[in-house]
Amino acid sequence: MYSPKIKEDLIPILYKLAKQEQKPMTELVDEMLRAEISKRNGQAETSNDESPSKKVKKTAHDRRT
């Protein structure tokens, strides 16, 4: 599975935010990504148990797999 790398300059920012919210960075990033994906899809925020919205457009790479 494809796992994109987070840019180095974002790591300290995410680390501080996660510490402020007293949660692991992975949980914080997951919440942030899900909220932004939902916002861009014009939907309510998805829970961790739901699959990504069907509104997300497939890329050429997605169609090949």
C-alpha atoms as a PDB file:
ATOM      1  CA  MET A   1       0.000   0.000   0.000  1.00  0.00           C
ATOM      2  CA  TYR A   2       1.177   3.521  -0.772  1.00  0.00           C
ATOM      3  CA  SER A   3       2.251   5.479   2.321  1.00  0.00           C
ATOM      4  CA  PRO A   4       3.130   9.081   1.500  1.00  0.00           C
ATOM      5  CA  LYS A   5       5.836  10.775   3.536  1.00  0.00           C
ATOM      6  CA  ILE A   6       4.988  13.810   5.634  1.00  0.00           C
ATOM      7  CA  LYS A   7       7.220  16.775   4.837  1.00  0.00           C
ATOM      8  CA  GLU A   8       9.901  17.320   7.479  1.00  0.00           C
ATOM      9  CA  ASP A   9       8.842  20.898   8.262  1.00  0.00           C
ATOM     10  CA  LEU A  10       5.383  19.680   9.332  1.00  0.00           C
ATOM     11  CA  ILE A  11       6.630  17.149  11.880  1.00  0.00           C
ATOM     12  CA  PRO A  12       7.423  19.630  14.705  1.00  0.00           C
ATOM     13  CA  ILE A  13       4.096  21.395  14.162  1.00  0.00           C
ATOM     14  CA  LEU A  14       2.153  18.125  14.260  1.00  0.00           C
ATOM     15  CA  TYR A  15       4.155  16.979  17.282  1.00  0.00           C
ATOM     16  CA  LYS A  16       3.272  20.141  19.246  1.00  0.00           C
ATOM     17  CA  LEU A  17      -0.399  19.954  18.260  1.00  0.00           C
ATOM     18  CA  ALA A  18      -0.579  16.294  19.261  1.00  0.00           C
ATOM     19  CA  LYS A  19       1.013  17.054  22.631  1.00  0.00           C
ATOM     20  CA  GLN A  20      -1.447  19.922  23.202  1.00  0.00           C
ATOM     21  CA  GLU A  21      -4.360  17.604  22.423  1.00  0.00           C
ATOM     22  CA  GLN A  22      -2.765  14.746  24.387  1.00  0.00           C
ATOM     23  CA  LYS A  23      -3.047  12.221  21.591  1.00  0.00           C
ATOM     24  CA  PRO A  24      -0.648  10.350  19.301  1.00  0.00           C
ATOM     25  CA  MET A  25       0.466  12.155  16.152  1.00  0.00           C
ATOM     26  CA  THR A  26      -0.999   9.369  14.028  1.00  0.00           C
ATOM     27  CA  GLU A  27      -4.431   9.913  15.573  1.00  0.00           C
ATOM     28  CA  LEU A  28      -4.187  13.680  15.091  1.00  0.00           C
ATOM     29  CA  VAL A  29      -3.153  13.359  11.435  1.00  0.00           C
ATOM     30  CA  ASP A  30      -5.920  10.823  10.793  1.00  0.00           C
ATOM     31  CA  GLU A  31      -8.529  13.183  12.264  1.00  0.00           C
ATOM     32  CA  MET A  32      -7.181  16.140  10.294  1.00  0.00           C
ATOM     33  CA  LEU A  33      -7.138  14.254   7.011  1.00  0.00           C
ATOM     34  CA  ARG A  34     -10.629  12.815   7.473  1.00  0.00           C
ATOM     35  CA  ALA A  35     -12.040  16.252   8.325  1.00  0.00           C
ATOM     36  CA  GLU A  36     -10.416  17.861   5.278  1.00  0.00           C
ATOM     37  CA  ILE A  37     -11.507  15.046   2.952  1.00  0.00           C
ATOM     38  CA  SER A  38     -15.081  15.363   4.223  1.00  0.00           C
ATOM     39  CA  LYS A  39     -14.983  19.145   3.829  1.00  0.00           C
ATOM     40  CA  ARG A  40     -13.745  18.903   0.265  1.00  0.00           C
ATOM     41  CA  ASN A  41     -16.399  16.319  -0.528  1.00  0.00           C
ATOM     42  CA  GLY A  42     -19.100  18.535   1.000  1.00  0.00           C
ATOM     43  CA  GLN A  43     -20.082  15.968   3.578  1.00  0.00           C
ATOM     44  CA  ALA A  44     -20.225  15.610   7.332  1.00  0.00           C
ATOM     45  CA  GLU A  45     -17.065  14.297   8.929  1.00  0.00           C
ATOM     46  CA  THR A  46     -16.580  10.529   8.516  1.00  0.00           C
ATOM     47  CA  SER A  47     -15.800   8.310  11.463  1.00  0.00           C
ATOM     48  CA  ASN A  48     -12.675   6.168  11.655  1.00  0.00           C
ATOM     49  CA  ASP A  49     -14.728   3.083  10.814  1.00  0.00           C
ATOM     50  CA  GLU A  50     -16.163   4.389   7.551  1.00  0.00           C
ATOM     51  CA  SER A  51     -14.544   3.975   4.179  1.00  0.00           C
ATOM     52  CA  PRO A  52     -13.577   7.082   2.189  1.00  0.00           C
ATOM     53  CA  SER A  53     -16.352   8.789   0.291  1.00  0.00           C
ATOM     54  CA  LYS A  54     -17.276   7.540  -3.164  1.00  0.00           C
ATOM     55  CA  LYS A  55     -17.120  11.182  -4.261  1.00  0.00           C
ATOM     56  CA  VAL A  56     -13.311  11.039  -4.208  1.00  0.00           C
ATOM     57  CA  LYS A  57     -12.131  11.049  -7.800  1.00  0.00           C
ATOM     58  CA  LYS A  58     -10.042   8.152  -9.004  1.00  0.00           C
ATOM     59  CA  THR A  59      -6.610   8.943 -10.334  1.00  0.00           C
ATOM     60  CA  ALA A  60      -5.003   7.238 -13.314  1.00  0.00           C
ATOM     61  CA  HIS A  61      -2.917   5.246 -10.829  1.00  0.00           C
ATOM     62  CA  ASP A  62      -6.053   4.088  -8.965  1.00  0.00           C
ATOM     63  CA  ARG A  63      -7.672   2.895 -12.175  1.00  0.00           C
ATOM     64  CA  ARG A  64      -4.668   0.731 -13.032  1.00  0.00           C
ATOM     65  CA  THR A  65      -4.744  -1.154  -9.717  1.00  0.00           C
END
